[in-house]
Amino acid sequence: MNVLLIQPEGVDLYATLLKSETSRGVLRFYQPDRLRYGMRIRTASLGSALALVSELRWYIQRYVEEVLFEPEEGIFCSSGLARQIYERDVKPVSPWRYRCLYRIAGDHMLDTIWMDEGTTPEAYADRTEPDDTLLEVWCTKEEYPTG
């Protein structure tokens, strides 16, 4: 299980979190990876990932654009969906209906592209640039914009 913290424009999240004694203390048992657009933290389970995010809440509110959870490689889910999975309110299966693409350019997120049911990320190539990083994110029904 990975937690992905996406930084807003103008913030070096990795340096910011390791500069603070408090957040450095929270992260001491993890080996966070620095990404161009934020940081990835490996945890043992969804429960420990949610607990870690809760411990870092003050920093997340100030220095993080988005928090994503990666239960399987390449499958990301929103905080809301991660909470629903943890509480056993939902068990997502592929193909998941409520999805979006996070479009990341360089060191920050540019926008969110809401995906139509049955489409693939390739269907949105006209709305992205070749150098963009695209993350397919599963979200809750409540987070998904309605028609």
C-alpha atoms as a PDB file:
ATOM      1  CA  MET A   1       0.000   0.000   0.000  1.00  0.00           C
ATOM      2  CA  ASN A   2       1.379   3.372  -1.015  1.00  0.00           C
ATOM      3  CA  VAL A   3       0.279   6.852  -0.021  1.00  0.00           C
ATOM      4  CA  LEU A   4       0.905   9.448  -2.701  1.00  0.00           C
ATOM      5  CA  LEU A   5       1.075  13.093  -1.642  1.00  0.00           C
ATOM      6  CA  ILE A   6       0.862  15.517  -4.563  1.00  0.00           C
ATOM      7  CA  GLN A   7       2.327  18.942  -3.926  1.00  0.00           C
ATOM      8  CA  PRO A   8       0.851  22.231  -5.139  1.00  0.00           C
ATOM      9  CA  GLU A   9       2.811  24.497  -7.447  1.00  0.00           C
ATOM     10  CA  GLY A  10       5.718  26.184  -5.713  1.00  0.00           C
ATOM     11  CA  VAL A  11       6.070  23.678  -2.849  1.00  0.00           C
ATOM     12  CA  ASP A  12       8.887  21.158  -2.440  1.00  0.00           C
ATOM     13  CA  LEU A  13       6.892  18.765  -0.290  1.00  0.00           C
ATOM     14  CA  TYR A  14       9.727  16.329   0.378  1.00  0.00           C
ATOM     15  CA  ALA A  15      12.024  19.059   1.701  1.00  0.00           C
ATOM     16  CA  THR A  16       9.184  20.717   3.636  1.00  0.00           C
ATOM     17  CA  LEU A  17       8.192  17.532   5.483  1.00  0.00           C
ATOM     18  CA  LEU A  18      11.753  16.511   6.272  1.00  0.00           C
ATOM     19  CA  LYS A  19      12.623  20.020   7.471  1.00  0.00           C
ATOM     20  CA  SER A  20      10.045  19.863  10.265  1.00  0.00           C
ATOM     21  CA  GLU A  21      11.047  17.877  13.353  1.00  0.00           C
ATOM     22  CA  THR A  22       7.438  16.809  13.946  1.00  0.00           C
ATOM     23  CA  SER A  23       6.748  15.455  10.451  1.00  0.00           C
ATOM     24  CA  ARG A  24      10.244  13.975  10.283  1.00  0.00           C
ATOM     25  CA  GLY A  25       9.386  12.110  13.499  1.00  0.00           C
ATOM     26  CA  VAL A  26       6.158  10.774  11.984  1.00  0.00           C
ATOM     27  CA  LEU A  27       8.007   9.641   8.846  1.00  0.00           C
ATOM     28  CA  ARG A  28      11.007   8.105  10.650  1.00  0.00           C
ATOM     29  CA  PHE A  29       9.684   4.548  10.276  1.00  0.00           C
ATOM     30  CA  TYR A  30       9.027   4.975   6.555  1.00  0.00           C
ATOM     31  CA  GLN A  31      11.383   5.611   3.696  1.00  0.00           C
ATOM     32  CA  PRO A  32       9.480   8.153   1.619  1.00  0.00           C
ATOM     33  CA  ASP A  33      10.363   8.410  -2.046  1.00  0.00           C
ATOM     34  CA  ARG A  34      10.810  11.858  -3.536  1.00  0.00           C
ATOM     35  CA  LEU A  35       8.808  12.306  -6.725  1.00  0.00           C
ATOM     36  CA  ARG A  36       8.959  15.276  -9.090  1.00  0.00           C
ATOM     37  CA  TYR A  37       5.402  16.131  -8.050  1.00  0.00           C
ATOM     38  CA  GLY A  38       5.427  15.127  -4.368  1.00  0.00           C
ATOM     39  CA  MET A  39       6.193  12.041  -2.346  1.00  0.00           C
ATOM     40  CA  ARG A  40       5.307   8.354  -2.107  1.00  0.00           C
ATOM     41  CA  ILE A  41       5.238   6.600   1.258  1.00  0.00           C
ATOM     42  CA  ARG A  42       5.031   2.811   1.528  1.00  0.00           C
ATOM     43  CA  THR A  43       2.878   1.394   4.330  1.00  0.00           C
ATOM     44  CA  ALA A  44       1.883  -2.122   5.380  1.00  0.00           C
ATOM     45  CA  SER A  45      -1.880  -1.762   4.996  1.00  0.00           C
ATOM     46  CA  LEU A  46      -4.735   0.574   4.205  1.00  0.00           C
ATOM     47  CA  GLY A  47      -5.327   1.070   7.927  1.00  0.00           C
ATOM     48  CA  SER A  48      -1.735   2.153   8.524  1.00  0.00           C
ATOM     49  CA  ALA A  49      -1.872   4.411   5.448  1.00  0.00           C
ATOM     50  CA  LEU A  50      -5.000   6.153   6.770  1.00  0.00           C
ATOM     51  CA  ALA A  51      -3.394   6.489  10.218  1.00  0.00           C
ATOM     52  CA  LEU A  52      -0.263   8.029   8.685  1.00  0.00           C
ATOM     53  CA  VAL A  53      -2.327  10.553   6.738  1.00  0.00           C
ATOM     54  CA  SER A  54      -4.201  11.401   9.936  1.00  0.00           C
ATOM     55  CA  GLU A  55      -0.897  11.998  11.750  1.00  0.00           C
ATOM     56  CA  LEU A  56       0.270  14.284   8.944  1.00  0.00           C
ATOM     57  CA  ARG A  57      -3.075  16.119   8.695  1.00  0.00           C
ATOM     58  CA  TRP A  58      -1.692  19.544   9.720  1.00  0.00           C
ATOM     59  CA  TYR A  59       0.982  19.357   6.996  1.00  0.00           C
ATOM     60  CA  ILE A  60      -1.421  17.944   4.437  1.00  0.00           C
ATOM     61  CA  GLN A  61      -3.837  20.832   4.928  1.00  0.00           C
ATOM     62  CA  ARG A  62      -1.053  23.344   4.337  1.00  0.00           C
ATOM     63  CA  TYR A  63       1.341  21.755   1.860  1.00  0.00           C
ATOM     64  CA  VAL A  64      -0.486  19.046  -0.099  1.00  0.00           C
ATOM     65  CA  GLU A  65      -2.718  19.421  -3.148  1.00  0.00           C
ATOM     66  CA  GLU A  66      -4.047  15.835  -3.167  1.00  0.00           C
ATOM     67  CA  VAL A  67      -3.705  12.636  -1.155  1.00  0.00           C
ATOM     68  CA  LEU A  68      -4.050   9.358  -3.041  1.00  0.00           C
ATOM     69  CA  PHE A  69      -3.857   5.759  -1.948  1.00  0.00           C
ATOM     70  CA  GLU A  70      -2.371   3.054  -4.163  1.00  0.00           C
ATOM     71  CA  PRO A  71      -3.648  -0.336  -2.975  1.00  0.00           C
ATOM     72  CA  GLU A  72      -2.241  -2.044  -6.088  1.00  0.00           C
ATOM     73  CA  GLU A  73       0.419  -0.823  -8.460  1.00  0.00           C
ATOM     74  CA  GLY A  74      -1.082   1.661 -10.900  1.00  0.00           C
ATOM     75  CA  ILE A  75      -4.509   1.753  -9.195  1.00  0.00           C
ATOM     76  CA  PHE A  76      -5.061   4.918  -7.201  1.00  0.00           C
ATOM     77  CA  CYS A  77      -8.057   5.845  -5.109  1.00  0.00           C
ATOM     78  CA  SER A  78      -9.195   9.051  -3.482  1.00  0.00           C
ATOM     79  CA  SER A  79      -9.166   9.556   0.273  1.00  0.00           C
ATOM     80  CA  GLY A  80     -12.951   9.220   0.308  1.00  0.00           C
ATOM     81  CA  LEU A  81     -12.899   5.879  -1.474  1.00  0.00           C
ATOM     82  CA  ALA A  82     -10.018   4.637   0.687  1.00  0.00           C
ATOM     83  CA  ARG A  83     -12.099   5.417   3.792  1.00  0.00           C
ATOM     84  CA  GLN A  84     -15.140   3.591   2.333  1.00  0.00           C
ATOM     85  CA  ILE A  85     -12.987   0.558   1.505  1.00  0.00           C
ATOM     86  CA  TYR A  86     -11.507   0.555   5.008  1.00  0.00           C
ATOM     87  CA  GLU A  87     -14.949   0.783   6.611  1.00  0.00           C
ATOM     88  CA  ARG A  88     -16.126  -2.005   4.274  1.00  0.00           C
ATOM     89  CA  ASP A  89     -18.860   0.182   2.803  1.00  0.00           C
ATOM     90  CA  VAL A  90     -17.690  -0.635  -0.718  1.00  0.00           C
ATOM     91  CA  LYS A  91     -15.481  -3.169  -2.477  1.00  0.00           C
ATOM     92  CA  PRO A  92     -14.312  -1.671  -5.766  1.00  0.00           C
ATOM     93  CA  VAL A  93     -13.767  -3.967  -8.731  1.00  0.00           C
ATOM     94  CA  SER A  94     -12.500  -3.263 -12.195  1.00  0.00           C
ATOM     95  CA  PRO A  95     -13.932  -1.683 -14.254  1.00  0.00           C
ATOM     96  CA  TRP A  96     -14.794   0.974 -11.659  1.00  0.00           C
ATOM     97  CA  ARG A  97     -17.404   3.461 -12.838  1.00  0.00           C
ATOM     98  CA  TYR A  98     -16.300   6.579 -10.937  1.00  0.00           C
ATOM     99  CA  ARG A  99     -12.884   7.540 -12.281  1.00  0.00           C
ATOM    100  CA  CYS A 100     -10.840  10.538 -13.228  1.00  0.00           C
ATOM    101  CA  LEU A 101      -7.378  11.355 -14.517  1.00  0.00           C
ATOM    102  CA  TYR A 102      -5.050  13.567 -12.541  1.00  0.00           C
ATOM    103  CA  ARG A 103      -2.933  15.459 -15.034  1.00  0.00           C
ATOM    104  CA  ILE A 104       0.468  16.306 -13.624  1.00  0.00           C
ATOM    105  CA  ALA A 105       3.011  18.431 -15.473  1.00  0.00           C
ATOM    106  CA  GLY A 106       6.493  18.718 -14.053  1.00  0.00           C
ATOM    107  CA  ASP A 107       6.265  19.276 -10.325  1.00  0.00           C
ATOM    108  CA  HIS A 108       2.536  19.924  -9.760  1.00  0.00           C
ATOM    109  CA  MET A 109      -0.978  18.894 -10.689  1.00  0.00           C
ATOM    110  CA  LEU A 110      -2.608  20.827 -13.522  1.00  0.00           C
ATOM    111  CA  ASP A 111      -6.162  19.536 -13.556  1.00  0.00           C
ATOM    112  CA  THR A 112      -8.636  16.707 -13.163  1.00  0.00           C
ATOM    113  CA  ILE A 113     -10.246  15.067 -16.180  1.00  0.00           C
ATOM    114  CA  TRP A 114     -13.435  13.189 -15.297  1.00  0.00           C
ATOM    115  CA  MET A 115     -13.688   9.944 -17.241  1.00  0.00           C
ATOM    116  CA  ASP A 116     -16.861   8.598 -18.807  1.00  0.00           C
ATOM    117  CA  GLU A 117     -17.878   5.048 -18.009  1.00  0.00           C
ATOM    118  CA  GLY A 118     -16.209   2.504 -20.273  1.00  0.00           C
ATOM    119  CA  THR A 119     -13.425   4.811 -21.490  1.00  0.00           C
ATOM    120  CA  THR A 120      -9.684   4.413 -21.089  1.00  0.00           C
ATOM    121  CA  PRO A 121      -7.068   7.088 -20.362  1.00  0.00           C
ATOM    122  CA  GLU A 122      -6.032   6.978 -24.020  1.00  0.00           C
ATOM    123  CA  ALA A 123      -9.441   8.412 -24.967  1.00  0.00           C
ATOM    124  CA  TYR A 124      -8.383  11.720 -23.388  1.00  0.00           C
ATOM    125  CA  ALA A 125      -5.080  12.129 -25.254  1.00  0.00           C
ATOM    126  CA  ASP A 126      -6.396  15.305 -26.896  1.00  0.00           C
ATOM    127  CA  ARG A 127      -6.626  16.935 -23.437  1.00  0.00           C
ATOM    128  CA  THR A 128      -3.091  16.097 -22.337  1.00  0.00           C
ATOM    129  CA  GLU A 129       0.486  16.722 -23.389  1.00  0.00           C
ATOM    130  CA  PRO A 130       2.985  13.944 -24.180  1.00  0.00           C
ATOM    131  CA  ASP A 131       5.182  14.784 -21.152  1.00  0.00           C
ATOM    132  CA  ASP A 132       2.278  14.815 -18.663  1.00  0.00           C
ATOM    133  CA  THR A 133       2.061  12.223 -15.923  1.00  0.00           C
ATOM    134  CA  LEU A 134      -1.459  10.778 -15.850  1.00  0.00           C
ATOM    135  CA  LEU A 135      -2.820   8.970 -12.828  1.00  0.00           C
ATOM    136  CA  GLU A 136      -6.131   7.131 -13.117  1.00  0.00           C
ATOM    137  CA  VAL A 137      -7.928   7.701  -9.819  1.00  0.00           C
ATOM    138  CA  TRP A 138     -10.972   5.821  -8.600  1.00  0.00           C
ATOM    139  CA  CYS A 139     -13.304   7.923  -6.505  1.00  0.00           C
ATOM    140  CA  THR A 140     -16.628   7.664  -4.687  1.00  0.00           C
ATOM    141  CA  LYS A 141     -20.000   8.133  -6.308  1.00  0.00           C
ATOM    142  CA  GLU A 142     -20.380  11.301  -4.213  1.00  0.00           C
ATOM    143  CA  GLU A 143     -17.097  12.761  -5.491  1.00  0.00           C
ATOM    144  CA  TYR A 144     -17.968  12.086  -9.128  1.00  0.00           C
ATOM    145  CA  PRO A 145     -19.725  15.043 -10.791  1.00  0.00           C
ATOM    146  CA  THR A 146     -23.208  14.254 -12.016  1.00  0.00           C
ATOM    147  CA  GLY A 147     -24.408  15.124 -15.479  1.00  0.00           C
END
